[in-house]
Amino acid sequence: MNFFDVYLPLAGVHSNLLVLVWVGFCVEVMGVVFGLSIGFITNAALNISRFHMTFPIGTGISNIFGKFLSAMRKLHKMGREDWKLASIAVVVSLLSFEFASRVVITLETARDVGEVVRWVYVAILGGFGGFMFYDCFALQKRQTAREAIGAVKENFEKA
């Protein structure tokens, strides 16, 4: 047994502490430096580390909620908070957390939640990828159209 192997009794998983720390460090560095929400990497890494899928889902949800609270604190210091929006966001977040947990619990009783969540996860990431490709090609099309309009304006002004 390795010195860094730990048993997490709540999850019922033996895992390497260095791997967990490295994943957490990389996720936070990417989140801070690039401003990205890297929950999809966390979920995949915890899934590969043999965690039951309810733990990565809960980790992602708590990460999103923590970032929301941090952003509200920052806006409060700047004097730009919108308490009405914040209260709506908190209520909607808590309701969505409860809904997600009930769906996962229902899936656990009906069948293997890991398989269903993995396929839904693949579909969501595929949808995001498809949207990014669409947005990239639409941006290129808009830039080409602007360049063409600019060229027409130039020729019109010369004439």
C-alpha atoms as a PDB file:
ATOM      1  CA  MET A   1       0.000   0.000   0.000  1.00  0.00           C
ATOM      2  CA  ASN A   2       1.296   3.393  -1.021  1.00  0.00           C
ATOM      3  CA  PHE A   3       1.746   6.113   1.593  1.00  0.00           C
ATOM      4  CA  PHE A   4      -0.526   8.480  -0.350  1.00  0.00           C
ATOM      5  CA  ASP A   5      -3.396   6.023  -0.791  1.00  0.00           C
ATOM      6  CA  VAL A   6      -6.366   7.115   1.283  1.00  0.00           C
ATOM      7  CA  TYR A   7      -9.712   5.571   1.998  1.00  0.00           C
ATOM      8  CA  LEU A   8     -12.669   7.922   1.754  1.00  0.00           C
ATOM      9  CA  PRO A   9     -15.390   6.208   3.792  1.00  0.00           C
ATOM     10  CA  LEU A  10     -18.270   8.424   2.657  1.00  0.00           C
ATOM     11  CA  ALA A  11     -17.549   7.595  -0.990  1.00  0.00           C
ATOM     12  CA  GLY A  12     -16.363   4.072  -0.209  1.00  0.00           C
ATOM     13  CA  VAL A  13     -13.337   4.547  -2.471  1.00  0.00           C
ATOM     14  CA  HIS A  14      -9.598   4.051  -2.126  1.00  0.00           C
ATOM     15  CA  SER A  15      -7.835   6.845  -3.981  1.00  0.00           C
ATOM     16  CA  ASN A  16      -4.431   8.432  -4.285  1.00  0.00           C
ATOM     17  CA  LEU A  17      -4.220  11.718  -2.401  1.00  0.00           C
ATOM     18  CA  LEU A  18      -1.666  13.169  -4.835  1.00  0.00           C
ATOM     19  CA  VAL A  19      -3.999  12.572  -7.787  1.00  0.00           C
ATOM     20  CA  LEU A  20      -6.875  14.317  -6.022  1.00  0.00           C
ATOM     21  CA  VAL A  21      -4.699  17.282  -5.032  1.00  0.00           C
ATOM     22  CA  TRP A  22      -3.269  17.519  -8.571  1.00  0.00           C
ATOM     23  CA  VAL A  23      -6.726  17.486 -10.164  1.00  0.00           C
ATOM     24  CA  GLY A  24      -7.966  20.142  -7.734  1.00  0.00           C
ATOM     25  CA  PHE A  25      -4.902  22.302  -8.328  1.00  0.00           C
ATOM     26  CA  CYS A  26      -5.161  22.071 -12.127  1.00  0.00           C
ATOM     27  CA  VAL A  27      -8.884  22.793 -12.097  1.00  0.00           C
ATOM     28  CA  GLU A  28      -8.485  25.876  -9.922  1.00  0.00           C
ATOM     29  CA  VAL A  29      -5.498  27.210 -11.885  1.00  0.00           C
ATOM     30  CA  MET A  30      -7.428  26.848 -15.147  1.00  0.00           C
ATOM     31  CA  GLY A  31     -10.451  28.447 -13.540  1.00  0.00           C
ATOM     32  CA  VAL A  32      -8.490  31.421 -12.226  1.00  0.00           C
ATOM     33  CA  VAL A  33      -6.136  31.955 -15.168  1.00  0.00           C
ATOM     34  CA  PHE A  34      -8.538  31.285 -18.028  1.00  0.00           C
ATOM     35  CA  GLY A  35     -11.788  32.174 -16.295  1.00  0.00           C
ATOM     36  CA  LEU A  36     -13.279  28.822 -17.208  1.00  0.00           C
ATOM     37  CA  SER A  37     -15.565  26.614 -15.236  1.00  0.00           C
ATOM     38  CA  ILE A  38     -13.678  23.352 -15.485  1.00  0.00           C
ATOM     39  CA  GLY A  39     -16.280  21.144 -13.836  1.00  0.00           C
ATOM     40  CA  PHE A  40     -16.274  18.751 -16.767  1.00  0.00           C
ATOM     41  CA  ILE A  41     -12.628  17.897 -16.080  1.00  0.00           C
ATOM     42  CA  THR A  42     -13.328  17.401 -12.383  1.00  0.00           C
ATOM     43  CA  ASN A  43     -16.259  15.094 -13.099  1.00  0.00           C
ATOM     44  CA  ALA A  44     -14.251  13.030 -15.566  1.00  0.00           C
ATOM     45  CA  ALA A  45     -11.240  12.801 -13.234  1.00  0.00           C
ATOM     46  CA  LEU A  46     -13.334  11.709 -10.263  1.00  0.00           C
ATOM     47  CA  ASN A  47     -15.170   9.210 -12.450  1.00  0.00           C
ATOM     48  CA  ILE A  48     -11.853   7.753 -13.621  1.00  0.00           C
ATOM     49  CA  SER A  49     -10.736   7.606  -9.982  1.00  0.00           C
ATOM     50  CA  ARG A  50     -13.630   5.154  -9.352  1.00  0.00           C
ATOM     51  CA  PHE A  51     -15.874   7.581  -7.484  1.00  0.00           C
ATOM     52  CA  HIS A  52     -19.600   6.943  -7.699  1.00  0.00           C
ATOM     53  CA  MET A  53     -21.158   9.508 -10.069  1.00  0.00           C
ATOM     54  CA  THR A  54     -23.171  11.209  -7.322  1.00  0.00           C
ATOM     55  CA  PHE A  55     -19.938  12.603  -5.832  1.00  0.00           C
ATOM     56  CA  PRO A  56     -18.662  14.328  -8.998  1.00  0.00           C
ATOM     57  CA  ILE A  57     -22.144  15.737  -9.598  1.00  0.00           C
ATOM     58  CA  GLY A  58     -22.288  17.104  -6.059  1.00  0.00           C
ATOM     59  CA  THR A  59     -18.760  18.473  -6.388  1.00  0.00           C
ATOM     60  CA  GLY A  60     -19.680  20.325  -9.567  1.00  0.00           C
ATOM     61  CA  ILE A  61     -22.858  21.739  -8.082  1.00  0.00           C
ATOM     62  CA  SER A  62     -21.093  22.960  -4.936  1.00  0.00           C
ATOM     63  CA  ASN A  63     -18.305  24.467  -7.072  1.00  0.00           C
ATOM     64  CA  ILE A  64     -20.816  26.464  -9.117  1.00  0.00           C
ATOM     65  CA  PHE A  65     -22.628  27.648  -5.979  1.00  0.00           C
ATOM     66  CA  GLY A  66     -19.317  28.641  -4.344  1.00  0.00           C
ATOM     67  CA  LYS A  67     -18.324  30.698  -7.389  1.00  0.00           C
ATOM     68  CA  PHE A  68     -21.718  32.391  -7.307  1.00  0.00           C
ATOM     69  CA  LEU A  69     -21.250  33.376  -3.654  1.00  0.00           C
ATOM     70  CA  SER A  70     -17.724  34.591  -4.345  1.00  0.00           C
ATOM     71  CA  ALA A  71     -18.917  36.734  -7.247  1.00  0.00           C
ATOM     72  CA  MET A  72     -21.700  38.235  -5.121  1.00  0.00           C
ATOM     73  CA  ARG A  73     -19.176  39.113  -2.413  1.00  0.00           C
ATOM     74  CA  LYS A  74     -16.968  40.820  -4.970  1.00  0.00           C
ATOM     75  CA  LEU A  75     -19.932  42.758  -6.395  1.00  0.00           C
ATOM     76  CA  HIS A  76     -20.962  43.762  -2.870  1.00  0.00           C
ATOM     77  CA  LYS A  77     -17.501  45.242  -2.220  1.00  0.00           C
ATOM     78  CA  MET A  78     -17.788  47.224  -5.468  1.00  0.00           C
ATOM     79  CA  GLY A  79     -21.284  48.415  -4.531  1.00  0.00           C
ATOM     80  CA  ARG A  80     -22.872  46.839  -7.593  1.00  0.00           C
ATOM     81  CA  GLU A  81     -24.822  43.936  -6.130  1.00  0.00           C
ATOM     82  CA  ASP A  82     -28.353  43.281  -7.241  1.00  0.00           C
ATOM     83  CA  TRP A  83     -30.054  41.645  -4.274  1.00  0.00           C
ATOM     84  CA  LYS A  84     -33.224  40.846  -6.196  1.00  0.00           C
ATOM     85  CA  LEU A  85     -31.251  38.963  -8.856  1.00  0.00           C
ATOM     86  CA  ALA A  86     -29.087  37.305  -6.213  1.00  0.00           C
ATOM     87  CA  SER A  87     -32.082  36.084  -4.234  1.00  0.00           C
ATOM     88  CA  ILE A  88     -33.713  34.726  -7.397  1.00  0.00           C
ATOM     89  CA  ALA A  89     -30.442  33.003  -8.326  1.00  0.00           C
ATOM     90  CA  VAL A  90     -30.108  31.438  -4.864  1.00  0.00           C
ATOM     91  CA  VAL A  91     -33.679  30.128  -4.898  1.00  0.00           C
ATOM     92  CA  VAL A  92     -33.361  28.764  -8.439  1.00  0.00           C
ATOM     93  CA  SER A  93     -29.971  27.216  -7.622  1.00  0.00           C
ATOM     94  CA  LEU A  94     -31.273  25.489  -4.507  1.00  0.00           C
ATOM     95  CA  LEU A  95     -34.349  24.212  -6.333  1.00  0.00           C
ATOM     96  CA  SER A  96     -32.204  22.906  -9.201  1.00  0.00           C
ATOM     97  CA  PHE A  97     -29.824  21.215  -6.728  1.00  0.00           C
ATOM     98  CA  GLU A  98     -32.748  19.500  -5.065  1.00  0.00           C
ATOM     99  CA  PHE A  99     -34.205  18.470  -8.429  1.00  0.00           C
ATOM    100  CA  ALA A 100     -30.848  17.110  -9.609  1.00  0.00           C
ATOM    101  CA  SER A 101     -30.332  15.156  -6.402  1.00  0.00           C
ATOM    102  CA  ARG A 102     -33.815  13.626  -6.651  1.00  0.00           C
ATOM    103  CA  VAL A 103     -33.193  12.642 -10.289  1.00  0.00           C
ATOM    104  CA  VAL A 104     -29.895  10.996  -9.328  1.00  0.00           C
ATOM    105  CA  ILE A 105     -31.499   9.186  -6.370  1.00  0.00           C
ATOM    106  CA  THR A 106     -34.333   7.995  -8.614  1.00  0.00           C
ATOM    107  CA  LEU A 107     -31.799   6.750 -11.162  1.00  0.00           C
ATOM    108  CA  GLU A 108     -29.883   4.987  -8.385  1.00  0.00           C
ATOM    109  CA  THR A 109     -32.959   3.058  -7.329  1.00  0.00           C
ATOM    110  CA  ALA A 110     -34.052   2.304 -10.903  1.00  0.00           C
ATOM    111  CA  ARG A 111     -30.684   1.371 -12.443  1.00  0.00           C
ATOM    112  CA  ASP A 112     -26.999   2.220 -12.550  1.00  0.00           C
ATOM    113  CA  VAL A 113     -26.769   6.001 -12.300  1.00  0.00           C
ATOM    114  CA  GLY A 114     -23.195   6.045 -13.618  1.00  0.00           C
ATOM    115  CA  GLU A 115     -24.085   4.733 -17.057  1.00  0.00           C
ATOM    116  CA  VAL A 116     -27.000   7.132 -17.529  1.00  0.00           C
ATOM    117  CA  VAL A 117     -25.046  10.140 -16.287  1.00  0.00           C
ATOM    118  CA  ARG A 118     -22.080   9.278 -18.512  1.00  0.00           C
ATOM    119  CA  TRP A 119     -24.245   9.190 -21.638  1.00  0.00           C
ATOM    120  CA  VAL A 120     -26.066  12.384 -20.701  1.00  0.00           C
ATOM    121  CA  TYR A 121     -22.672  13.934 -19.989  1.00  0.00           C
ATOM    122  CA  VAL A 122     -21.369  12.912 -23.417  1.00  0.00           C
ATOM    123  CA  ALA A 123     -24.494  14.372 -25.026  1.00  0.00           C
ATOM    124  CA  ILE A 124     -24.138  17.676 -23.164  1.00  0.00           C
ATOM    125  CA  LEU A 125     -20.441  18.009 -23.989  1.00  0.00           C
ATOM    126  CA  GLY A 126     -21.200  17.086 -27.623  1.00  0.00           C
ATOM    127  CA  GLY A 127     -23.877  19.791 -27.678  1.00  0.00           C
ATOM    128  CA  PHE A 128     -21.411  22.344 -26.298  1.00  0.00           C
ATOM    129  CA  GLY A 129     -18.833  21.289 -28.888  1.00  0.00           C
ATOM    130  CA  GLY A 130     -21.382  21.549 -31.687  1.00  0.00           C
ATOM    131  CA  PHE A 131     -22.422  25.006 -30.502  1.00  0.00           C
ATOM    132  CA  MET A 132     -18.771  26.132 -30.409  1.00  0.00           C
ATOM    133  CA  PHE A 133     -18.200  24.898 -33.959  1.00  0.00           C
ATOM    134  CA  TYR A 134     -21.387  26.641 -35.108  1.00  0.00           C
ATOM    135  CA  ASP A 135     -20.379  29.866 -33.360  1.00  0.00           C
ATOM    136  CA  CYS A 136     -16.871  29.727 -34.850  1.00  0.00           C
ATOM    137  CA  PHE A 137     -18.167  29.228 -38.394  1.00  0.00           C
ATOM    138  CA  ALA A 138     -20.865  31.886 -37.930  1.00  0.00           C
ATOM    139  CA  LEU A 139     -18.186  34.320 -36.695  1.00  0.00           C
ATOM    140  CA  GLN A 140     -16.044  33.617 -39.752  1.00  0.00           C
ATOM    141  CA  LYS A 141     -19.057  34.165 -41.980  1.00  0.00           C
ATOM    142  CA  ARG A 142     -19.857  37.487 -40.276  1.00  0.00           C
ATOM    143  CA  GLN A 143     -16.246  38.652 -40.602  1.00  0.00           C
ATOM    144  CA  THR A 144     -16.216  37.760 -44.301  1.00  0.00           C
ATOM    145  CA  ALA A 145     -19.470  39.676 -44.784  1.00  0.00           C
ATOM    146  CA  ARG A 146     -18.045  42.735 -42.966  1.00  0.00           C
ATOM    147  CA  GLU A 147     -14.917  42.645 -45.109  1.00  0.00           C
ATOM    148  CA  ALA A 148     -17.046  42.476 -48.255  1.00  0.00           C
ATOM    149  CA  ILE A 149     -19.190  45.407 -47.089  1.00  0.00           C
ATOM    150  CA  GLY A 150     -16.042  47.374 -46.260  1.00  0.00           C
ATOM    151  CA  ALA A 151     -14.640  46.700 -49.729  1.00  0.00           C
ATOM    152  CA  VAL A 152     -17.898  47.816 -51.364  1.00  0.00           C
ATOM    153  CA  LYS A 153     -17.922  51.028 -49.294  1.00  0.00           C
ATOM    154  CA  GLU A 154     -14.310  51.725 -50.295  1.00  0.00           C
ATOM    155  CA  ASN A 155     -15.074  51.262 -53.983  1.00  0.00           C
ATOM    156  CA  PHE A 156     -18.211  53.407 -53.687  1.00  0.00           C
ATOM    157  CA  GLU A 157     -16.292  56.225 -51.997  1.00  0.00           C
ATOM    158  CA  LYS A 158     -13.547  56.149 -54.672  1.00  0.00           C
ATOM    159  CA  ALA A 159     -16.083  56.416 -57.489  1.00  0.00           C
END
